[in-house]
N, C-alpha and C. Protein backbone atom coordinates (compact mmCIF):
# COMPACT_ATOMS: atom_id res chain seq x y z
N MET A 1 0.85 -1.14 0.02
CA MET A 1 -0.05 -0.03 0.04
C MET A 1 0.92 1.25 -0.10
N SER A 2 0.53 2.24 -0.85
CA SER A 2 1.37 3.32 -0.84
C SER A 2 1.02 4.42 0.22
N ASN A 3 1.85 5.34 0.43
CA ASN A 3 1.58 6.43 1.46
C ASN A 3 0.42 7.19 0.99
N LEU A 4 0.16 7.42 -0.42
CA LEU A 4 -0.96 8.08 -0.73
C LEU A 4 -2.23 7.33 -0.31
N ASP A 5 -2.19 6.03 -0.49
CA ASP A 5 -3.39 5.20 0.03
C ASP A 5 -3.62 5.29 1.35
N LEU A 6 -2.47 5.26 2.24
CA LEU A 6 -2.48 5.52 3.65
C LEU A 6 -3.14 6.79 3.98
N ALA A 7 -2.75 7.78 3.32
CA ALA A 7 -3.28 9.25 3.66
C ALA A 7 -4.79 9.16 3.34
N ARG A 8 -5.16 8.66 2.13
CA ARG A 8 -6.59 8.68 1.99
C ARG A 8 -7.36 7.88 2.88
N GLY A 9 -6.79 6.81 3.42
CA GLY A 9 -7.34 5.92 4.47
C GLY A 9 -7.57 6.84 5.74
N LEU A 10 -6.52 7.62 6.14
CA LEU A 10 -6.68 8.45 7.35
C LEU A 10 -7.78 9.41 7.19
N TYR A 11 -7.95 10.10 6.10
CA TYR A 11 -9.03 11.25 5.89
C TYR A 11 -10.25 10.45 5.85
N ASP A 12 -10.42 9.23 5.30
CA ASP A 12 -11.69 8.41 5.29
C ASP A 12 -12.08 8.10 6.76
N ALA A 13 -11.12 7.58 7.44
CA ALA A 13 -11.26 7.29 9.02
C ALA A 13 -11.77 8.42 9.76
N PHE A 14 -11.02 9.61 9.56
CA PHE A 14 -11.55 10.78 10.25
C PHE A 14 -12.86 11.07 9.89
N GLY A 15 -13.31 11.14 8.63
CA GLY A 15 -14.55 11.51 8.28
C GLY A 15 -15.69 10.51 8.80
N ARG A 16 -15.28 9.29 9.16
CA ARG A 16 -16.30 8.39 9.69
C ARG A 16 -16.29 8.50 11.16
N GLY A 17 -15.26 9.21 11.73
CA GLY A 17 -15.25 9.33 13.17
C GLY A 17 -14.61 8.02 13.77
N ASP A 18 -13.78 7.31 12.90
CA ASP A 18 -13.14 6.04 13.42
C ASP A 18 -11.83 6.42 14.03
N LEU A 19 -11.91 6.86 15.29
CA LEU A 19 -10.53 7.29 15.80
C LEU A 19 -9.61 6.08 15.96
N ASP A 20 -10.14 4.94 16.27
CA ASP A 20 -9.22 3.73 16.42
C ASP A 20 -8.43 3.60 15.04
N ALA A 21 -9.11 3.51 13.94
CA ALA A 21 -8.31 3.46 12.63
C ALA A 21 -7.37 4.68 12.55
N VAL A 22 -7.72 5.80 12.94
CA VAL A 22 -6.83 6.89 12.84
C VAL A 22 -5.56 6.69 13.59
N ARG A 23 -5.87 6.26 14.90
CA ARG A 23 -4.58 6.02 15.82
C ARG A 23 -3.69 4.87 15.23
N ALA A 24 -4.30 3.92 14.70
CA ALA A 24 -3.63 2.68 14.10
C ALA A 24 -2.72 3.22 12.91
N GLY A 25 -3.05 4.34 12.24
CA GLY A 25 -2.23 4.84 11.16
C GLY A 25 -1.24 5.77 11.48
N MET A 26 -1.02 6.09 12.71
CA MET A 26 -0.11 7.01 13.20
C MET A 26 0.98 6.38 14.02
N ALA A 27 2.18 6.92 13.92
CA ALA A 27 3.37 6.55 14.73
C ALA A 27 2.96 7.01 16.19
N ALA A 28 3.55 6.39 17.21
CA ALA A 28 3.23 6.55 18.64
C ALA A 28 3.66 8.14 18.95
N ASP A 29 4.71 8.58 18.31
CA ASP A 29 5.22 9.81 18.59
C ASP A 29 4.97 10.80 17.36
N VAL A 30 3.75 10.69 16.67
CA VAL A 30 3.36 11.44 15.67
C VAL A 30 3.41 12.92 16.05
N ARG A 31 3.78 13.76 15.22
CA ARG A 31 3.84 15.13 15.48
C ARG A 31 2.75 15.87 14.67
N TRP A 32 1.98 16.73 15.08
CA TRP A 32 1.00 17.57 14.62
C TRP A 32 1.24 19.04 14.70
N VAL A 33 1.54 19.46 13.66
CA VAL A 33 2.00 21.08 13.59
C VAL A 33 0.76 22.00 13.17
N GLU A 34 0.36 22.78 13.89
CA GLU A 34 -0.61 23.81 13.58
C GLU A 34 -0.10 25.07 13.30
N PRO A 35 -0.58 25.99 12.44
CA PRO A 35 -0.08 27.29 12.10
C PRO A 35 0.01 28.11 13.49
N GLU A 36 1.16 28.89 13.48
CA GLU A 36 1.50 29.64 14.73
C GLU A 36 0.43 30.74 15.08
N SER A 37 -0.37 31.18 14.11
CA SER A 37 -1.37 32.12 14.35
C SER A 37 -2.79 31.49 15.03
N LEU A 38 -2.66 30.16 15.08
CA LEU A 38 -3.86 29.55 15.74
C LEU A 38 -3.52 29.21 17.20
N PRO A 39 -4.64 29.07 18.00
CA PRO A 39 -4.22 28.95 19.44
C PRO A 39 -3.90 27.46 19.93
N TYR A 40 -3.97 26.48 18.98
CA TYR A 40 -3.83 25.08 19.28
C TYR A 40 -2.50 24.63 19.69
N GLY A 41 -1.54 25.29 18.99
CA GLY A 41 -0.09 24.82 19.17
C GLY A 41 0.30 23.49 18.54
N SER A 42 1.33 23.01 18.60
CA SER A 42 1.73 21.84 17.99
C SER A 42 1.87 20.77 19.21
N GLN A 43 1.49 19.52 18.86
CA GLN A 43 1.42 18.29 19.86
C GLN A 43 2.10 17.28 19.29
N VAL A 44 2.46 16.30 20.23
CA VAL A 44 3.11 15.03 19.94
C VAL A 44 2.30 13.98 20.62
N GLY A 45 1.88 12.89 19.84
CA GLY A 45 1.24 11.81 20.38
C GLY A 45 -0.26 11.95 20.04
N PHE A 46 -0.85 10.85 19.69
CA PHE A 46 -2.28 10.95 19.41
C PHE A 46 -3.27 11.39 20.50
N ASP A 47 -3.00 11.05 21.72
CA ASP A 47 -3.84 11.47 22.88
C ASP A 47 -3.63 13.06 22.88
N ALA A 48 -2.51 13.57 22.96
CA ALA A 48 -2.37 15.01 23.00
C ALA A 48 -2.96 15.73 21.84
N ILE A 49 -2.82 15.13 20.62
CA ILE A 49 -3.36 15.77 19.52
C ILE A 49 -4.92 15.73 19.52
N LEU A 50 -5.51 14.78 20.19
CA LEU A 50 -6.96 14.62 20.01
C LEU A 50 -7.53 15.63 21.10
N GLN A 51 -6.95 15.73 22.25
CA GLN A 51 -7.28 16.45 23.43
C GLN A 51 -7.03 17.95 23.14
N ASN A 52 -5.84 18.43 22.70
CA ASN A 52 -5.48 19.86 22.63
C ASN A 52 -5.71 20.52 21.30
N ILE A 53 -5.94 19.62 20.36
CA ILE A 53 -6.23 20.20 18.92
C ILE A 53 -7.56 19.92 18.45
N LEU A 54 -7.79 18.72 18.27
CA LEU A 54 -8.95 18.28 17.49
C LEU A 54 -10.31 18.35 18.30
N ALA A 55 -10.23 18.07 19.63
CA ALA A 55 -11.43 18.35 20.33
C ALA A 55 -11.65 19.77 20.47
N VAL A 56 -10.71 20.62 20.65
CA VAL A 56 -10.93 22.25 20.75
C VAL A 56 -11.49 22.67 19.42
N ALA A 57 -10.75 22.34 18.39
CA ALA A 57 -11.26 22.94 17.16
C ALA A 57 -12.63 22.50 16.70
N LEU A 58 -12.84 21.21 16.78
CA LEU A 58 -14.14 20.53 16.47
C LEU A 58 -15.30 21.14 17.33
N ALA A 59 -14.97 21.49 18.54
CA ALA A 59 -16.08 22.08 19.42
C ALA A 59 -16.56 23.49 18.88
N GLN A 60 -15.74 24.09 18.10
CA GLN A 60 -15.98 25.32 17.51
C GLN A 60 -16.72 25.41 16.24
N VAL A 61 -16.88 24.14 15.62
CA VAL A 61 -17.50 24.01 14.29
C VAL A 61 -18.49 22.75 14.33
N GLU A 62 -19.77 23.16 14.03
CA GLU A 62 -20.79 22.09 13.97
C GLU A 62 -20.68 21.56 12.46
N GLY A 63 -20.76 20.18 12.52
CA GLY A 63 -20.67 19.48 11.12
C GLY A 63 -19.30 19.59 10.40
N PHE A 64 -18.40 19.85 11.21
CA PHE A 64 -17.01 19.90 10.63
C PHE A 64 -16.69 18.95 9.60
N ALA A 65 -16.13 19.31 8.44
CA ALA A 65 -15.80 18.36 7.46
C ALA A 65 -14.36 18.88 6.91
N THR A 66 -13.59 17.85 6.49
CA THR A 66 -12.36 18.26 5.79
C THR A 66 -12.74 17.69 4.38
N ARG A 67 -12.59 18.56 3.32
CA ARG A 67 -12.84 18.14 1.89
C ARG A 67 -11.53 18.22 1.06
N PRO A 68 -10.88 17.22 0.93
CA PRO A 68 -9.75 17.26 0.00
C PRO A 68 -10.22 17.41 -1.41
N GLU A 69 -9.35 18.16 -2.15
CA GLU A 69 -9.64 18.57 -3.46
C GLU A 69 -8.52 18.05 -4.37
N GLU A 70 -7.35 17.84 -3.82
CA GLU A 70 -6.13 17.46 -4.72
C GLU A 70 -5.21 16.66 -3.69
N TRP A 71 -4.59 15.63 -4.36
CA TRP A 71 -3.67 14.82 -3.55
C TRP A 71 -2.44 14.88 -4.51
N ILE A 72 -1.23 15.16 -3.68
CA ILE A 72 -0.09 15.13 -4.40
C ILE A 72 0.81 14.09 -3.85
N ASP A 73 1.22 13.17 -4.48
CA ASP A 73 2.03 11.96 -4.04
C ASP A 73 3.43 12.13 -4.25
N GLY A 74 4.26 12.43 -3.01
CA GLY A 74 5.58 12.71 -3.03
C GLY A 74 6.51 11.51 -2.52
N GLY A 75 5.81 10.45 -2.47
CA GLY A 75 6.64 9.27 -1.76
C GLY A 75 6.16 9.29 -0.20
N ASP A 76 7.32 9.41 0.38
CA ASP A 76 7.15 9.67 1.95
C ASP A 76 6.46 10.85 2.30
N VAL A 77 6.22 11.89 1.42
CA VAL A 77 5.48 12.96 1.77
C VAL A 77 4.26 13.11 0.84
N VAL A 78 3.14 13.34 1.41
CA VAL A 78 1.81 13.46 0.66
C VAL A 78 1.19 14.75 1.05
N VAL A 79 1.01 15.59 -0.01
CA VAL A 79 0.31 16.88 0.37
C VAL A 79 -1.01 16.97 -0.28
N VAL A 80 -1.93 17.38 0.62
CA VAL A 80 -3.37 17.31 0.52
C VAL A 80 -3.89 18.82 0.40
N LEU A 81 -4.55 19.15 -0.72
CA LEU A 81 -5.12 20.46 -0.84
C LEU A 81 -6.59 20.37 -0.91
N GLY A 82 -7.25 21.33 0.01
CA GLY A 82 -8.70 21.32 0.18
C GLY A 82 -9.37 22.49 0.88
N ARG A 83 -10.47 22.14 1.42
CA ARG A 83 -11.12 23.12 2.16
C ARG A 83 -11.81 22.46 3.38
N TYR A 84 -11.85 23.30 4.45
CA TYR A 84 -12.60 22.97 5.64
C TYR A 84 -13.97 23.53 5.51
N ALA A 85 -15.13 22.79 5.99
CA ALA A 85 -16.50 23.20 5.96
C ALA A 85 -17.10 22.87 7.27
N GLY A 86 -18.12 23.48 7.42
CA GLY A 86 -19.03 23.51 8.60
C GLY A 86 -19.71 24.63 8.95
N ARG A 87 -20.22 24.87 10.29
CA ARG A 87 -20.81 25.97 10.64
C ARG A 87 -20.23 26.36 12.03
N SER A 88 -19.77 27.68 12.18
CA SER A 88 -19.22 28.17 13.40
C SER A 88 -20.33 28.09 14.58
N VAL A 89 -19.95 27.61 15.65
CA VAL A 89 -20.88 27.42 16.81
C VAL A 89 -21.08 28.90 17.33
N VAL A 90 -20.04 29.67 17.31
CA VAL A 90 -20.09 31.02 18.02
C VAL A 90 -20.68 32.02 16.92
N THR A 91 -20.42 32.14 15.70
CA THR A 91 -20.78 33.06 14.82
C THR A 91 -22.04 32.72 14.00
N GLY A 92 -22.17 31.36 13.83
CA GLY A 92 -23.27 30.86 12.95
C GLY A 92 -23.00 30.87 11.59
N LEU A 93 -21.75 31.41 11.22
CA LEU A 93 -21.25 31.55 9.89
C LEU A 93 -20.87 30.18 9.30
N ASP A 94 -21.06 30.06 7.95
CA ASP A 94 -20.63 28.79 7.32
C ASP A 94 -19.19 28.92 7.15
N LEU A 95 -18.46 27.77 7.36
CA LEU A 95 -17.02 27.71 7.32
C LEU A 95 -16.66 27.22 5.96
N ASP A 96 -15.65 27.94 5.20
CA ASP A 96 -15.17 27.69 4.03
C ASP A 96 -13.77 28.11 4.00
N VAL A 97 -12.84 27.32 4.38
CA VAL A 97 -11.40 27.82 4.55
C VAL A 97 -10.56 26.86 3.89
N ALA A 98 -9.64 27.38 3.02
CA ALA A 98 -8.64 26.57 2.29
C ALA A 98 -7.56 26.07 3.19
N PHE A 99 -7.09 24.87 2.88
CA PHE A 99 -5.89 24.35 3.65
C PHE A 99 -5.06 23.55 2.69
N ALA A 100 -3.85 23.40 3.21
CA ALA A 100 -2.84 22.39 2.61
C ALA A 100 -2.18 21.74 3.80
N HIS A 101 -2.23 20.42 3.64
CA HIS A 101 -1.85 19.52 4.71
C HIS A 101 -0.63 18.83 4.17
N VAL A 102 0.55 18.74 4.91
CA VAL A 102 1.66 18.03 4.51
C VAL A 102 1.87 16.87 5.52
N LEU A 103 1.78 15.62 4.91
CA LEU A 103 1.73 14.47 5.73
C LEU A 103 3.07 13.72 5.42
N ARG A 104 3.74 13.32 6.51
CA ARG A 104 5.10 12.70 6.37
C ARG A 104 4.84 11.21 6.94
N PHE A 105 5.27 10.29 6.13
CA PHE A 105 5.21 8.78 6.53
C PHE A 105 6.51 8.21 6.65
N HIS A 106 6.55 7.27 7.62
CA HIS A 106 7.86 6.33 7.73
C HIS A 106 7.41 4.94 7.91
N GLU A 107 7.80 3.87 7.18
CA GLU A 107 7.61 2.66 7.45
C GLU A 107 6.01 2.37 7.74
N GLY A 108 5.06 3.00 6.74
CA GLY A 108 3.72 2.73 6.79
C GLY A 108 2.90 3.55 7.83
N LEU A 109 3.53 4.44 8.62
CA LEU A 109 2.74 5.16 9.59
C LEU A 109 2.99 6.68 9.37
N LEU A 110 2.10 7.50 9.81
CA LEU A 110 2.15 9.07 9.73
C LEU A 110 2.93 9.39 10.78
N THR A 111 4.03 10.08 10.53
CA THR A 111 4.90 10.55 11.55
C THR A 111 4.77 12.09 11.77
N GLU A 112 4.22 12.85 10.77
CA GLU A 112 3.97 14.30 10.99
C GLU A 112 2.87 14.76 10.24
N PHE A 113 2.14 15.54 10.68
CA PHE A 113 0.94 16.20 9.97
C PHE A 113 0.98 17.65 10.21
N CYS A 114 1.29 18.37 9.10
CA CYS A 114 1.51 19.90 9.09
C CYS A 114 0.40 20.60 8.59
N VAL A 115 -0.25 21.50 9.25
CA VAL A 115 -1.39 22.26 8.69
C VAL A 115 -0.92 23.62 8.24
N HIS A 116 -1.34 23.86 6.98
CA HIS A 116 -1.26 25.29 6.37
C HIS A 116 -2.56 25.72 5.98
N ALA A 117 -3.13 26.83 6.62
CA ALA A 117 -4.47 27.13 6.33
C ALA A 117 -4.61 28.69 6.29
N ASP A 118 -5.83 29.05 5.86
CA ASP A 118 -6.04 30.52 5.76
C ASP A 118 -6.75 30.83 7.26
N THR A 119 -5.57 30.96 8.14
CA THR A 119 -5.99 31.23 9.56
C THR A 119 -6.75 32.43 9.90
N HIS A 120 -6.50 33.47 9.18
CA HIS A 120 -7.40 34.78 9.38
C HIS A 120 -8.82 34.51 9.08
N ARG A 121 -9.13 33.75 8.05
CA ARG A 121 -10.42 33.40 7.73
C ARG A 121 -10.97 32.34 8.82
N TRP A 122 -10.26 31.40 9.17
CA TRP A 122 -10.71 30.63 10.30
C TRP A 122 -11.04 31.25 11.44
N LEU A 123 -10.20 32.18 11.98
CA LEU A 123 -10.52 32.95 13.17
C LEU A 123 -11.69 33.97 12.99
N GLN A 124 -11.81 34.54 11.87
CA GLN A 124 -13.07 35.37 11.61
C GLN A 124 -14.31 34.53 11.76
N LEU A 125 -14.30 33.35 11.06
CA LEU A 125 -15.49 32.59 11.06
C LEU A 125 -15.86 31.84 12.41
N THR A 126 -14.69 31.50 13.19
CA THR A 126 -15.06 30.84 14.52
C THR A 126 -15.16 31.78 15.69
N GLY A 127 -15.02 33.18 15.39
CA GLY A 127 -15.43 34.04 16.43
C GLY A 127 -14.34 34.60 17.33
N ASP A 128 -13.03 34.57 16.89
CA ASP A 128 -12.01 35.11 17.56
C ASP A 128 -12.25 36.72 17.63
N ALA A 129 -12.56 37.19 18.77
CA ALA A 129 -13.03 38.60 18.85
C ALA A 129 -12.01 39.59 18.23
N ALA A 130 -10.77 39.42 18.63
CA ALA A 130 -9.67 40.36 17.87
C ALA A 130 -9.73 40.45 16.51
N VAL A 131 -9.76 39.38 15.82
CA VAL A 131 -9.89 39.24 14.46
C VAL A 131 -11.09 39.62 13.85
N VAL A 132 -12.13 39.28 14.47
CA VAL A 132 -13.49 39.75 13.88
C VAL A 132 -13.47 41.30 14.12
N ALA A 133 -13.11 41.88 15.10
CA ALA A 133 -13.11 43.33 15.19
C ALA A 133 -12.42 44.05 14.12
N SER A 134 -11.11 43.41 13.76
CA SER A 134 -10.32 43.99 12.75
C SER A 134 -10.54 43.69 11.47
N GLY A 135 -11.34 42.65 11.24
CA GLY A 135 -11.53 42.12 10.06
C GLY A 135 -12.46 42.71 8.97
């Protein structure tokens, strides 16, 4: 199975809410890197990622979905371009935010997930007061 297949499988598992399958596709010391302008920080290990990034971000967006539009197979590195969708719990606005995810694999497991996104738009839509006021 190629790393591109593994990446697609991880996105499918996330979409189904199958966290056991997501965990099984990640190295024990997987590193998740969020943009510096977002409040989630970077985390190491599935439990820290789940608690400090995913649970926090998902609580802000009802019906959150990651919609991949393009897959770029670079062997050990897979790049996924797409959009986040859903509805902000705070503002009630529809979320439509571009992203680029860089996934690094080693020996069939995800070792790093790096998020690049339109963070200004994310913060506007999810209700960060300082950004909304200036935006």
